[in-house]
N, C-alpha and C. Protein backbone atom coordinates (compact mmCIF):
# COMPACT_ATOMS: atom_id res chain seq x y z
N MET A 1 -27.12 0.43 -14.82
CA MET A 1 -25.80 0.93 -15.21
C MET A 1 -24.94 1.15 -13.97
N ALA A 2 -23.74 0.59 -13.98
CA ALA A 2 -22.85 0.72 -12.82
C ALA A 2 -22.34 2.15 -12.69
N MET A 3 -22.14 2.57 -11.44
CA MET A 3 -21.58 3.89 -11.16
C MET A 3 -20.38 3.73 -10.24
N LEU A 4 -19.44 4.65 -10.35
CA LEU A 4 -18.32 4.68 -9.41
C LEU A 4 -18.80 5.34 -8.13
N ARG A 5 -18.74 4.59 -7.03
CA ARG A 5 -19.26 5.09 -5.75
C ARG A 5 -18.20 5.16 -4.65
N ALA A 6 -17.08 4.46 -4.83
CA ALA A 6 -16.06 4.42 -3.77
C ALA A 6 -14.67 4.35 -4.37
N VAL A 7 -13.73 4.96 -3.68
CA VAL A 7 -12.32 4.92 -4.08
C VAL A 7 -11.49 4.38 -2.92
N PHE A 8 -10.69 3.36 -3.21
CA PHE A 8 -9.85 2.72 -2.21
C PHE A 8 -8.39 3.08 -2.43
N PHE A 9 -7.70 3.42 -1.36
CA PHE A 9 -6.31 3.85 -1.43
C PHE A 9 -5.39 2.87 -0.71
N ASP A 10 -4.32 2.45 -1.38
CA ASP A 10 -3.22 1.81 -0.68
C ASP A 10 -2.51 2.90 0.13
N LEU A 11 -1.58 2.50 0.98
CA LEU A 11 -0.91 3.49 1.84
C LEU A 11 0.54 3.71 1.43
N ASP A 12 1.41 2.75 1.76
CA ASP A 12 2.85 2.92 1.55
C ASP A 12 3.19 2.94 0.07
N GLY A 13 3.84 4.02 -0.35
CA GLY A 13 4.26 4.13 -1.74
C GLY A 13 3.22 4.74 -2.65
N LEU A 14 1.98 4.85 -2.18
CA LEU A 14 0.93 5.51 -2.96
C LEU A 14 0.57 6.86 -2.34
N LEU A 15 0.23 6.85 -1.05
CA LEU A 15 -0.12 8.09 -0.36
C LEU A 15 1.07 8.70 0.37
N VAL A 16 1.89 7.86 0.97
CA VAL A 16 3.03 8.35 1.76
C VAL A 16 4.32 7.71 1.28
N ASP A 17 5.39 8.48 1.36
CA ASP A 17 6.69 8.03 0.86
C ASP A 17 7.44 7.29 1.97
N THR A 18 6.90 6.14 2.37
CA THR A 18 7.45 5.39 3.49
C THR A 18 8.35 4.23 3.08
N GLU A 19 8.29 3.81 1.82
CA GLU A 19 9.10 2.65 1.43
C GLU A 19 10.59 2.87 1.67
N PRO A 20 11.14 4.07 1.42
CA PRO A 20 12.55 4.28 1.74
C PRO A 20 12.86 4.08 3.23
N TYR A 21 11.90 4.40 4.11
CA TYR A 21 12.10 4.19 5.54
C TYR A 21 12.12 2.70 5.87
N TYR A 22 11.17 1.96 5.29
CA TYR A 22 11.17 0.51 5.52
C TYR A 22 12.48 -0.10 5.03
N PHE A 23 12.94 0.37 3.86
CA PHE A 23 14.19 -0.16 3.31
C PHE A 23 15.37 0.15 4.22
N GLU A 24 15.49 1.39 4.66
CA GLU A 24 16.63 1.76 5.51
C GLU A 24 16.59 1.01 6.84
N ALA A 25 15.39 0.85 7.39
CA ALA A 25 15.28 0.10 8.65
C ALA A 25 15.70 -1.35 8.46
N ALA A 26 15.21 -1.98 7.39
CA ALA A 26 15.57 -3.38 7.12
C ALA A 26 17.05 -3.50 6.76
N ARG A 27 17.56 -2.56 5.98
CA ARG A 27 18.97 -2.61 5.58
C ARG A 27 19.88 -2.55 6.81
N GLY A 28 19.55 -1.68 7.75
CA GLY A 28 20.37 -1.56 8.95
C GLY A 28 20.35 -2.83 9.79
N VAL A 29 19.18 -3.43 9.94
CA VAL A 29 19.06 -4.66 10.74
C VAL A 29 19.80 -5.81 10.07
N PHE A 30 19.64 -5.97 8.77
CA PHE A 30 20.34 -7.05 8.07
C PHE A 30 21.84 -6.85 8.07
N ALA A 31 22.29 -5.60 7.97
CA ALA A 31 23.72 -5.32 7.99
C ALA A 31 24.36 -5.79 9.29
N GLU A 32 23.63 -5.65 10.39
CA GLU A 32 24.15 -6.08 11.69
C GLU A 32 24.27 -7.60 11.77
N HIS A 33 23.65 -8.29 10.80
CA HIS A 33 23.72 -9.76 10.79
C HIS A 33 24.43 -10.27 9.54
N GLY A 34 25.26 -9.39 8.95
CA GLY A 34 26.17 -9.81 7.89
C GLY A 34 25.63 -9.82 6.48
N HIS A 35 24.45 -9.24 6.25
CA HIS A 35 23.90 -9.22 4.89
C HIS A 35 23.71 -7.80 4.42
N ALA A 36 24.24 -7.48 3.23
CA ALA A 36 24.11 -6.16 2.64
C ALA A 36 22.86 -6.14 1.76
N LEU A 37 21.78 -5.64 2.28
CA LEU A 37 20.51 -5.60 1.55
C LEU A 37 20.52 -4.42 0.58
N SER A 38 20.38 -4.71 -0.72
CA SER A 38 20.36 -3.65 -1.71
C SER A 38 18.93 -3.14 -1.91
N ARG A 39 18.82 -1.96 -2.49
CA ARG A 39 17.51 -1.39 -2.76
C ARG A 39 16.72 -2.27 -3.74
N GLU A 40 17.41 -2.78 -4.77
CA GLU A 40 16.73 -3.64 -5.74
C GLU A 40 16.25 -4.94 -5.11
N GLU A 41 17.10 -5.55 -4.27
CA GLU A 41 16.70 -6.78 -3.59
C GLU A 41 15.50 -6.52 -2.69
N TYR A 42 15.52 -5.41 -1.99
CA TYR A 42 14.39 -5.08 -1.12
C TYR A 42 13.11 -4.90 -1.94
N ALA A 43 13.22 -4.16 -3.05
CA ALA A 43 12.05 -3.90 -3.88
C ALA A 43 11.46 -5.20 -4.43
N ILE A 44 12.32 -6.07 -4.93
CA ILE A 44 11.83 -7.29 -5.56
C ILE A 44 11.31 -8.29 -4.53
N ARG A 45 12.05 -8.51 -3.47
CA ARG A 45 11.67 -9.56 -2.52
C ARG A 45 10.61 -9.09 -1.53
N TRP A 46 10.74 -7.87 -1.03
CA TRP A 46 9.83 -7.42 0.02
C TRP A 46 8.56 -6.77 -0.54
N ILE A 47 8.71 -5.86 -1.49
CA ILE A 47 7.54 -5.15 -2.00
C ILE A 47 6.79 -5.98 -3.04
N ILE A 48 7.52 -6.49 -4.03
CA ILE A 48 6.87 -7.19 -5.14
C ILE A 48 6.43 -8.60 -4.74
N ARG A 49 7.34 -9.37 -4.14
CA ARG A 49 7.01 -10.75 -3.81
C ARG A 49 6.34 -10.90 -2.44
N GLY A 50 6.51 -9.91 -1.59
CA GLY A 50 5.87 -9.97 -0.28
C GLY A 50 6.48 -11.01 0.64
N THR A 51 7.81 -11.13 0.60
CA THR A 51 8.48 -12.10 1.46
C THR A 51 8.25 -11.79 2.93
N ARG A 52 8.47 -12.79 3.78
CA ARG A 52 8.35 -12.62 5.23
C ARG A 52 9.73 -12.62 5.87
N MET A 53 9.85 -12.02 7.02
CA MET A 53 11.14 -11.98 7.71
C MET A 53 11.65 -13.39 7.96
N ALA A 54 10.75 -14.31 8.35
CA ALA A 54 11.17 -15.69 8.61
C ALA A 54 11.77 -16.33 7.37
N ASP A 55 11.18 -16.03 6.20
CA ASP A 55 11.70 -16.58 4.95
C ASP A 55 13.10 -16.07 4.66
N GLU A 56 13.32 -14.78 4.89
CA GLU A 56 14.62 -14.17 4.59
C GLU A 56 15.69 -14.64 5.58
N VAL A 57 15.33 -14.77 6.83
CA VAL A 57 16.28 -15.27 7.84
C VAL A 57 16.72 -16.68 7.48
N SER A 58 15.78 -17.50 7.06
CA SER A 58 16.10 -18.87 6.66
C SER A 58 16.94 -18.89 5.39
N ARG A 59 16.57 -18.10 4.41
CA ARG A 59 17.28 -18.06 3.13
C ARG A 59 18.73 -17.62 3.29
N LEU A 60 18.94 -16.65 4.15
CA LEU A 60 20.27 -16.07 4.32
C LEU A 60 21.09 -16.76 5.41
N GLY A 61 20.48 -17.70 6.11
CA GLY A 61 21.20 -18.42 7.16
C GLY A 61 21.53 -17.55 8.36
N ILE A 62 20.69 -16.58 8.66
CA ILE A 62 20.92 -15.69 9.80
C ILE A 62 20.50 -16.39 11.09
N LYS A 63 21.37 -16.37 12.07
CA LYS A 63 21.08 -17.02 13.35
C LYS A 63 20.47 -16.01 14.31
N ALA A 64 19.22 -15.73 14.10
CA ALA A 64 18.51 -14.78 14.97
C ALA A 64 17.02 -15.06 14.88
N ASP A 65 16.30 -14.61 15.88
CA ASP A 65 14.86 -14.78 15.92
C ASP A 65 14.20 -13.83 14.92
N PRO A 66 13.49 -14.33 13.91
CA PRO A 66 12.89 -13.44 12.92
C PRO A 66 11.86 -12.48 13.50
N ASP A 67 11.13 -12.91 14.51
CA ASP A 67 10.16 -12.02 15.14
C ASP A 67 10.86 -10.84 15.81
N GLY A 68 11.98 -11.13 16.44
CA GLY A 68 12.75 -10.06 17.08
C GLY A 68 13.32 -9.09 16.06
N LEU A 69 13.80 -9.61 14.93
CA LEU A 69 14.32 -8.74 13.87
C LEU A 69 13.21 -7.87 13.29
N LEU A 70 12.05 -8.46 13.10
CA LEU A 70 10.93 -7.69 12.55
C LEU A 70 10.50 -6.58 13.50
N LEU A 71 10.49 -6.87 14.78
CA LEU A 71 10.15 -5.83 15.76
C LEU A 71 11.16 -4.69 15.72
N GLU A 72 12.43 -5.03 15.53
CA GLU A 72 13.46 -4.00 15.47
C GLU A 72 13.33 -3.16 14.19
N VAL A 73 13.01 -3.80 13.08
CA VAL A 73 12.77 -3.06 11.84
C VAL A 73 11.62 -2.08 12.03
N ARG A 74 10.55 -2.54 12.63
CA ARG A 74 9.39 -1.68 12.86
C ARG A 74 9.70 -0.55 13.83
N ARG A 75 10.52 -0.83 14.84
CA ARG A 75 10.89 0.22 15.79
C ARG A 75 11.66 1.32 15.09
N ARG A 76 12.63 0.92 14.25
CA ARG A 76 13.43 1.90 13.52
C ARG A 76 12.57 2.67 12.52
N PHE A 77 11.65 1.96 11.87
CA PHE A 77 10.75 2.61 10.91
C PHE A 77 9.92 3.68 11.61
N ARG A 78 9.32 3.34 12.73
CA ARG A 78 8.48 4.30 13.45
C ARG A 78 9.29 5.52 13.90
N ALA A 79 10.53 5.30 14.28
CA ALA A 79 11.38 6.41 14.70
C ALA A 79 11.61 7.38 13.54
N MET A 80 11.80 6.85 12.34
CA MET A 80 12.00 7.70 11.16
C MET A 80 10.73 8.48 10.83
N VAL A 81 9.58 7.82 10.92
CA VAL A 81 8.31 8.48 10.64
C VAL A 81 8.07 9.62 11.62
N GLU A 82 8.43 9.42 12.87
CA GLU A 82 8.24 10.45 13.88
C GLU A 82 9.05 11.70 13.57
N VAL A 83 10.21 11.53 12.93
CA VAL A 83 11.07 12.67 12.59
C VAL A 83 10.53 13.43 11.39
N GLU A 84 10.18 12.70 10.32
CA GLU A 84 9.71 13.35 9.10
C GLU A 84 8.92 12.35 8.26
N LEU A 85 7.84 12.82 7.66
CA LEU A 85 7.05 11.98 6.77
C LEU A 85 6.56 12.83 5.61
N LYS A 86 6.82 12.35 4.40
CA LYS A 86 6.41 13.08 3.21
C LYS A 86 5.27 12.35 2.51
N LEU A 87 4.31 13.12 2.03
CA LEU A 87 3.27 12.57 1.18
C LEU A 87 3.83 12.35 -0.22
N MET A 88 3.28 11.40 -0.93
CA MET A 88 3.64 11.23 -2.34
C MET A 88 3.06 12.41 -3.12
N PRO A 89 3.66 12.75 -4.26
CA PRO A 89 3.16 13.90 -5.03
C PRO A 89 1.67 13.79 -5.36
N HIS A 90 0.94 14.87 -5.08
CA HIS A 90 -0.49 15.01 -5.38
C HIS A 90 -1.38 14.08 -4.56
N ALA A 91 -0.84 13.48 -3.51
CA ALA A 91 -1.65 12.59 -2.67
C ALA A 91 -2.75 13.36 -1.95
N ARG A 92 -2.40 14.48 -1.35
CA ARG A 92 -3.40 15.24 -0.59
C ARG A 92 -4.52 15.74 -1.51
N GLU A 93 -4.15 16.27 -2.67
CA GLU A 93 -5.15 16.77 -3.60
C GLU A 93 -6.09 15.66 -4.07
N THR A 94 -5.52 14.48 -4.33
CA THR A 94 -6.33 13.35 -4.78
C THR A 94 -7.29 12.91 -3.69
N LEU A 95 -6.80 12.84 -2.47
CA LEU A 95 -7.67 12.47 -1.34
C LEU A 95 -8.80 13.48 -1.16
N GLU A 96 -8.48 14.76 -1.26
CA GLU A 96 -9.50 15.79 -1.08
C GLU A 96 -10.59 15.68 -2.13
N ARG A 97 -10.19 15.47 -3.40
CA ARG A 97 -11.17 15.36 -4.48
C ARG A 97 -12.02 14.10 -4.31
N ALA A 98 -11.37 12.99 -3.98
CA ALA A 98 -12.08 11.72 -3.86
C ALA A 98 -13.07 11.75 -2.70
N SER A 99 -12.63 12.24 -1.55
CA SER A 99 -13.49 12.20 -0.35
C SER A 99 -14.66 13.16 -0.45
N ALA A 100 -14.56 14.17 -1.31
CA ALA A 100 -15.66 15.11 -1.49
C ALA A 100 -16.78 14.52 -2.34
N ARG A 101 -16.47 13.50 -3.13
CA ARG A 101 -17.45 12.96 -4.08
C ARG A 101 -17.81 11.50 -3.85
N PHE A 102 -16.85 10.72 -3.32
CA PHE A 102 -17.04 9.28 -3.19
C PHE A 102 -16.81 8.83 -1.74
N ALA A 103 -17.28 7.62 -1.44
CA ALA A 103 -16.83 6.98 -0.20
C ALA A 103 -15.36 6.62 -0.38
N THR A 104 -14.57 6.78 0.66
CA THR A 104 -13.14 6.47 0.55
C THR A 104 -12.73 5.50 1.66
N ALA A 105 -11.74 4.68 1.34
CA ALA A 105 -11.22 3.75 2.34
C ALA A 105 -9.74 3.54 2.11
N LEU A 106 -9.02 3.43 3.19
CA LEU A 106 -7.63 2.99 3.14
C LEU A 106 -7.64 1.46 3.17
N VAL A 107 -6.91 0.83 2.24
CA VAL A 107 -6.86 -0.63 2.18
C VAL A 107 -5.39 -1.03 2.14
N THR A 108 -4.87 -1.52 3.25
CA THR A 108 -3.43 -1.70 3.38
C THR A 108 -3.08 -2.98 4.13
N ASN A 109 -1.88 -3.50 3.84
CA ASN A 109 -1.32 -4.63 4.58
C ASN A 109 -0.63 -4.16 5.87
N THR A 110 -0.51 -2.87 6.05
CA THR A 110 0.19 -2.31 7.20
C THR A 110 -0.61 -2.55 8.48
N VAL A 111 0.11 -2.81 9.58
CA VAL A 111 -0.56 -3.10 10.85
C VAL A 111 -1.20 -1.83 11.40
N PRO A 112 -2.31 -1.97 12.17
CA PRO A 112 -3.09 -0.81 12.61
C PRO A 112 -2.29 0.26 13.36
N GLU A 113 -1.37 -0.15 14.23
CA GLU A 113 -0.65 0.86 15.00
C GLU A 113 0.23 1.74 14.13
N GLU A 114 0.78 1.16 13.06
CA GLU A 114 1.59 1.97 12.13
C GLU A 114 0.70 2.81 11.24
N VAL A 115 -0.47 2.29 10.88
CA VAL A 115 -1.43 3.08 10.10
C VAL A 115 -1.81 4.34 10.85
N GLU A 116 -2.15 4.21 12.11
CA GLU A 116 -2.57 5.37 12.90
C GLU A 116 -1.45 6.38 13.04
N LEU A 117 -0.22 5.89 13.26
CA LEU A 117 0.93 6.79 13.36
C LEU A 117 1.13 7.56 12.06
N ILE A 118 1.10 6.86 10.94
CA ILE A 118 1.34 7.48 9.64
C ILE A 118 0.25 8.49 9.30
N LEU A 119 -1.00 8.11 9.50
CA LEU A 119 -2.10 9.01 9.17
C LEU A 119 -2.09 10.26 10.04
N ALA A 120 -1.77 10.10 11.31
CA ALA A 120 -1.70 11.26 12.20
C ALA A 120 -0.57 12.19 11.80
N LYS A 121 0.58 11.60 11.48
CA LYS A 121 1.74 12.41 11.09
C LYS A 121 1.50 13.12 9.75
N ALA A 122 0.82 12.42 8.82
CA ALA A 122 0.59 12.99 7.50
C ALA A 122 -0.60 13.96 7.48
N GLY A 123 -1.48 13.86 8.47
CA GLY A 123 -2.63 14.75 8.53
C GLY A 123 -3.68 14.48 7.47
N ILE A 124 -3.89 13.22 7.12
CA ILE A 124 -4.83 12.89 6.04
C ILE A 124 -5.98 12.00 6.51
N ARG A 125 -6.06 11.73 7.80
CA ARG A 125 -7.07 10.80 8.29
C ARG A 125 -8.49 11.24 7.94
N ARG A 126 -8.78 12.53 7.96
CA ARG A 126 -10.15 13.00 7.76
C ARG A 126 -10.66 12.74 6.35
N HIS A 127 -9.76 12.50 5.40
CA HIS A 127 -10.17 12.24 4.02
C HIS A 127 -10.46 10.77 3.76
N LEU A 128 -10.22 9.92 4.75
CA LEU A 128 -10.44 8.49 4.60
C LEU A 128 -11.60 8.08 5.50
N HIS A 129 -12.73 7.77 4.89
CA HIS A 129 -13.93 7.47 5.66
C HIS A 129 -13.87 6.13 6.38
N HIS A 130 -13.07 5.20 5.84
CA HIS A 130 -12.94 3.87 6.43
C HIS A 130 -11.48 3.44 6.38
N LEU A 131 -11.08 2.63 7.37
CA LEU A 131 -9.73 2.08 7.41
C LEU A 131 -9.81 0.56 7.40
N ILE A 132 -9.13 -0.07 6.45
CA ILE A 132 -9.02 -1.52 6.37
C ILE A 132 -7.54 -1.84 6.48
N ALA A 133 -7.12 -2.32 7.64
CA ALA A 133 -5.70 -2.59 7.89
C ALA A 133 -5.51 -4.08 8.19
N ARG A 134 -4.24 -4.47 8.27
CA ARG A 134 -3.93 -5.88 8.55
C ARG A 134 -4.59 -6.28 9.87
N GLY A 135 -5.29 -7.38 9.85
CA GLY A 135 -6.06 -7.81 11.01
C GLY A 135 -7.55 -7.69 10.76
N ASP A 136 -7.93 -6.89 9.74
CA ASP A 136 -9.34 -6.74 9.38
C ASP A 136 -9.77 -7.77 8.34
N TYR A 137 -8.87 -8.61 7.89
CA TYR A 137 -9.14 -9.61 6.86
C TYR A 137 -8.14 -10.75 7.04
N PRO A 138 -8.46 -11.96 6.54
CA PRO A 138 -7.61 -13.13 6.84
C PRO A 138 -6.24 -13.14 6.16
N ARG A 139 -6.20 -12.91 4.86
CA ARG A 139 -4.95 -13.07 4.12
C ARG A 139 -4.50 -11.75 3.50
N PRO A 140 -3.20 -11.47 3.51
CA PRO A 140 -2.72 -10.19 2.97
C PRO A 140 -2.72 -10.18 1.43
N LYS A 141 -2.51 -8.99 0.87
CA LYS A 141 -2.30 -8.88 -0.57
C LYS A 141 -1.10 -9.78 -0.94
N PRO A 142 -1.17 -10.49 -2.05
CA PRO A 142 -2.04 -10.33 -3.22
C PRO A 142 -3.37 -11.06 -3.15
N HIS A 143 -3.71 -11.67 -2.03
CA HIS A 143 -5.03 -12.27 -1.90
C HIS A 143 -6.08 -11.15 -1.91
N PRO A 144 -7.29 -11.45 -2.36
CA PRO A 144 -8.30 -10.40 -2.52
C PRO A 144 -9.04 -10.01 -1.24
N ASP A 145 -8.73 -10.66 -0.13
CA ASP A 145 -9.52 -10.51 1.09
C ASP A 145 -9.72 -9.05 1.53
N CYS A 146 -8.66 -8.25 1.45
CA CYS A 146 -8.75 -6.87 1.93
C CYS A 146 -9.74 -6.05 1.10
N TYR A 147 -9.78 -6.29 -0.20
CA TYR A 147 -10.69 -5.53 -1.04
C TYR A 147 -12.12 -6.04 -0.95
N ILE A 148 -12.28 -7.31 -0.71
CA ILE A 148 -13.62 -7.84 -0.43
C ILE A 148 -14.16 -7.20 0.85
N ALA A 149 -13.29 -7.12 1.87
CA ALA A 149 -13.69 -6.50 3.14
C ALA A 149 -14.00 -5.01 2.95
N ALA A 150 -13.22 -4.33 2.11
CA ALA A 150 -13.44 -2.90 1.89
C ALA A 150 -14.77 -2.64 1.19
N ALA A 151 -15.09 -3.43 0.19
CA ALA A 151 -16.35 -3.26 -0.53
C ALA A 151 -17.54 -3.47 0.42
N ARG A 152 -17.42 -4.47 1.26
CA ARG A 152 -18.48 -4.72 2.25
C ARG A 152 -18.60 -3.56 3.22
N ARG A 153 -17.46 -3.03 3.65
CA ARG A 153 -17.47 -1.94 4.63
C ARG A 153 -18.18 -0.69 4.09
N VAL A 154 -17.94 -0.37 2.82
CA VAL A 154 -18.55 0.84 2.26
C VAL A 154 -19.95 0.57 1.69
N GLY A 155 -20.35 -0.70 1.65
CA GLY A 155 -21.68 -1.05 1.18
C GLY A 155 -21.86 -0.94 -0.31
N CYS A 156 -20.80 -1.23 -1.06
CA CYS A 156 -20.84 -1.15 -2.51
C CYS A 156 -20.48 -2.50 -3.13
N ALA A 157 -20.94 -2.73 -4.35
CA ALA A 157 -20.48 -3.89 -5.10
C ALA A 157 -19.03 -3.64 -5.53
N PRO A 158 -18.21 -4.67 -5.67
CA PRO A 158 -16.82 -4.46 -6.09
C PRO A 158 -16.69 -3.65 -7.38
N GLY A 159 -17.61 -3.86 -8.32
CA GLY A 159 -17.55 -3.14 -9.58
C GLY A 159 -17.92 -1.67 -9.49
N GLU A 160 -18.38 -1.24 -8.32
CA GLU A 160 -18.69 0.18 -8.09
C GLU A 160 -17.55 0.89 -7.38
N CYS A 161 -16.44 0.19 -7.20
CA CYS A 161 -15.29 0.73 -6.46
C CYS A 161 -14.08 0.82 -7.39
N LEU A 162 -13.19 1.74 -7.07
CA LEU A 162 -11.91 1.89 -7.76
C LEU A 162 -10.79 1.79 -6.75
N ALA A 163 -9.80 0.94 -7.04
CA ALA A 163 -8.62 0.83 -6.17
C ALA A 163 -7.45 1.56 -6.80
N LEU A 164 -6.65 2.19 -5.97
CA LEU A 164 -5.41 2.84 -6.38
C LEU A 164 -4.27 2.13 -5.67
N GLU A 165 -3.35 1.57 -6.45
CA GLU A 165 -2.25 0.78 -5.91
C GLU A 165 -0.94 1.17 -6.58
N ASP A 166 0.16 0.99 -5.85
CA ASP A 166 1.46 1.31 -6.43
C ASP A 166 2.26 0.08 -6.85
N ALA A 167 1.81 -1.12 -6.49
CA ALA A 167 2.57 -2.33 -6.77
C ALA A 167 1.68 -3.40 -7.39
N ALA A 168 2.30 -4.26 -8.21
CA ALA A 168 1.56 -5.30 -8.91
C ALA A 168 0.84 -6.24 -7.95
N ARG A 169 1.44 -6.48 -6.79
CA ARG A 169 0.83 -7.36 -5.79
C ARG A 169 -0.51 -6.80 -5.31
N GLY A 170 -0.57 -5.51 -5.13
CA GLY A 170 -1.82 -4.89 -4.72
C GLY A 170 -2.84 -4.86 -5.85
N VAL A 171 -2.34 -4.66 -7.08
CA VAL A 171 -3.24 -4.68 -8.23
C VAL A 171 -3.91 -6.05 -8.34
N ARG A 172 -3.14 -7.12 -8.16
CA ARG A 172 -3.71 -8.47 -8.23
C ARG A 172 -4.78 -8.66 -7.16
N ALA A 173 -4.54 -8.14 -5.97
CA ALA A 173 -5.52 -8.27 -4.90
C ALA A 173 -6.84 -7.61 -5.29
N ALA A 174 -6.76 -6.40 -5.83
CA ALA A 174 -7.96 -5.68 -6.21
C ALA A 174 -8.69 -6.38 -7.35
N VAL A 175 -7.95 -6.71 -8.39
CA VAL A 175 -8.57 -7.34 -9.58
C VAL A 175 -9.21 -8.67 -9.22
N ASN A 176 -8.55 -9.45 -8.37
CA ASN A 176 -9.10 -10.74 -7.97
C ASN A 176 -10.35 -10.60 -7.09
N ALA A 177 -10.54 -9.42 -6.53
CA ALA A 177 -11.76 -9.15 -5.75
C ALA A 177 -12.85 -8.55 -6.63
N GLY A 178 -12.54 -8.32 -7.91
CA GLY A 178 -13.51 -7.71 -8.81
C GLY A 178 -13.53 -6.21 -8.77
N VAL A 179 -12.48 -5.59 -8.17
CA VAL A 179 -12.39 -4.13 -8.06
C VAL A 179 -11.44 -3.60 -9.13
N PRO A 180 -11.91 -2.79 -10.07
CA PRO A 180 -11.00 -2.20 -11.04
C PRO A 180 -9.91 -1.40 -10.34
N CYS A 181 -8.70 -1.42 -10.92
CA CYS A 181 -7.55 -0.83 -10.22
C CYS A 181 -6.69 -0.01 -11.16
N VAL A 182 -6.29 1.15 -10.69
CA VAL A 182 -5.30 1.98 -11.38
C VAL A 182 -3.98 1.84 -10.65
N ALA A 183 -2.93 1.54 -11.39
CA ALA A 183 -1.59 1.41 -10.81
C ALA A 183 -0.84 2.74 -10.95
N VAL A 184 -0.26 3.19 -9.84
CA VAL A 184 0.55 4.41 -9.84
C VAL A 184 1.94 4.00 -9.37
N LEU A 185 2.83 3.75 -10.31
CA LEU A 185 4.12 3.14 -9.99
C LEU A 185 5.09 4.17 -9.41
N ASN A 186 6.04 3.66 -8.62
CA ASN A 186 7.13 4.48 -8.11
C ASN A 186 8.46 3.76 -8.36
N GLU A 187 9.55 4.35 -7.92
CA GLU A 187 10.87 3.79 -8.26
C GLU A 187 11.10 2.40 -7.70
N MET A 188 10.38 2.02 -6.66
CA MET A 188 10.57 0.70 -6.07
C MET A 188 9.59 -0.34 -6.58
N THR A 189 8.58 0.08 -7.34
CA THR A 189 7.59 -0.89 -7.80
C THR A 189 7.60 -1.08 -9.32
N ARG A 190 8.57 -0.48 -9.99
CA ARG A 190 8.63 -0.57 -11.45
C ARG A 190 9.27 -1.87 -11.95
N TYR A 191 9.70 -2.71 -11.02
CA TYR A 191 10.37 -3.95 -11.41
C TYR A 191 9.40 -5.02 -11.92
N GLU A 192 8.09 -4.82 -11.72
CA GLU A 192 7.10 -5.79 -12.17
C GLU A 192 5.93 -5.06 -12.80
N SER A 193 5.49 -5.54 -13.97
CA SER A 193 4.36 -4.93 -14.66
C SER A 193 3.06 -5.23 -13.92
N PRO A 194 2.22 -4.22 -13.71
CA PRO A 194 0.96 -4.43 -12.97
C PRO A 194 -0.12 -5.00 -13.88
N GLU A 195 -0.06 -6.27 -14.14
CA GLU A 195 -1.02 -6.90 -15.05
C GLU A 195 -2.45 -6.80 -14.50
N GLY A 196 -3.36 -6.47 -15.39
CA GLY A 196 -4.76 -6.35 -15.01
C GLY A 196 -5.17 -4.95 -14.62
N ALA A 197 -4.22 -4.02 -14.55
CA ALA A 197 -4.55 -2.65 -14.16
C ALA A 197 -5.38 -1.97 -15.24
N LEU A 198 -6.35 -1.19 -14.81
CA LEU A 198 -7.18 -0.40 -15.72
C LEU A 198 -6.33 0.64 -16.44
N LEU A 199 -5.45 1.26 -15.69
CA LEU A 199 -4.49 2.24 -16.20
C LEU A 199 -3.20 2.09 -15.42
N THR A 200 -2.08 2.48 -16.01
CA THR A 200 -0.81 2.53 -15.31
C THR A 200 -0.26 3.95 -15.44
N LEU A 201 -0.08 4.60 -14.29
CA LEU A 201 0.35 6.00 -14.25
C LEU A 201 1.70 6.13 -13.56
N ASP A 202 2.33 7.29 -13.78
CA ASP A 202 3.60 7.58 -13.11
C ASP A 202 3.41 8.45 -11.88
N SER A 203 2.23 9.05 -11.75
CA SER A 203 1.97 9.95 -10.62
C SER A 203 0.47 10.11 -10.43
N LEU A 204 0.07 10.39 -9.22
CA LEU A 204 -1.34 10.69 -8.96
C LEU A 204 -1.79 11.96 -9.68
N ALA A 205 -0.83 12.79 -10.10
CA ALA A 205 -1.17 13.99 -10.85
C ALA A 205 -1.86 13.64 -12.17
N GLU A 206 -1.61 12.44 -12.68
CA GLU A 206 -2.19 12.01 -13.96
C GLU A 206 -3.58 11.41 -13.79
N LEU A 207 -4.03 11.22 -12.57
CA LEU A 207 -5.31 10.56 -12.32
C LEU A 207 -6.47 11.55 -12.50
N ASP A 208 -7.41 11.20 -13.36
CA ASP A 208 -8.58 12.04 -13.61
C ASP A 208 -9.81 11.27 -13.12
N LEU A 209 -10.17 11.47 -11.87
CA LEU A 209 -11.31 10.77 -11.29
C LEU A 209 -12.62 11.15 -11.96
N ASP A 210 -12.77 12.39 -12.36
CA ASP A 210 -14.01 12.82 -13.00
C ASP A 210 -14.21 12.08 -14.32
N SER A 211 -13.15 11.94 -15.10
CA SER A 211 -13.25 11.23 -16.37
C SER A 211 -13.55 9.75 -16.16
N LEU A 212 -12.88 9.15 -15.18
CA LEU A 212 -13.14 7.74 -14.88
C LEU A 212 -14.59 7.53 -14.46
N ALA A 213 -15.10 8.42 -13.62
CA ALA A 213 -16.47 8.28 -13.14
C ALA A 213 -17.47 8.46 -14.28
N ALA A 214 -17.20 9.41 -15.18
CA ALA A 214 -18.10 9.68 -16.29
C ALA A 214 -18.17 8.52 -17.27
N ASN A 215 -17.08 7.77 -17.36
CA ASN A 215 -17.01 6.65 -18.31
C ASN A 215 -17.07 5.28 -17.65
N TRP A 216 -17.54 5.27 -16.38
CA TRP A 216 -17.59 3.99 -15.64
C TRP A 216 -18.57 3.06 -16.32
N ARG A 217 -18.17 1.79 -16.44
CA ARG A 217 -19.00 0.84 -17.16
C ARG A 217 -20.05 0.24 -16.23
């Protein structure tokens, strides 16, 4: 009989309220190059579809180096995080409960240097037993590579793990790796239904890990 042994957490938009910072940083950079990036456009193209800076520069006809623009977006993002960083509602409580009973891992597309900055600022590193960041696996979400790597890292079968994601792209990554996933949507990820999710919630406050563990198949 399978048991729930590990819980995997996405980062941006699930544990920390960083998506508005990414949006403001990108909006400011694009504005300097003649494009008014809306919140909806950012949510759909960047969060849901996972577009790349090079794709957007080409699509919009911007005459600038995409790598340079991306570095500037990240610089502005880090500056905002240094000033203030908020956890998503009930994130700390969920991490505390999960880490006391299960193996835990952060599973994110975010680059390692930003992961370390965010975790240090948020004060939640001790609740995450393992970190799986961009560079620890070949292909980003929605490919399953990150969750395959996470299951191997914690020494569990995919079916013994639970993923928590805020966006459909992350849900697809988990499900395609054989990891059951609960979607916890926010205002920027509600534009796409998280198909394949075990449950779809509006807040981590609704997550009952004890009940899920007791009824694990």
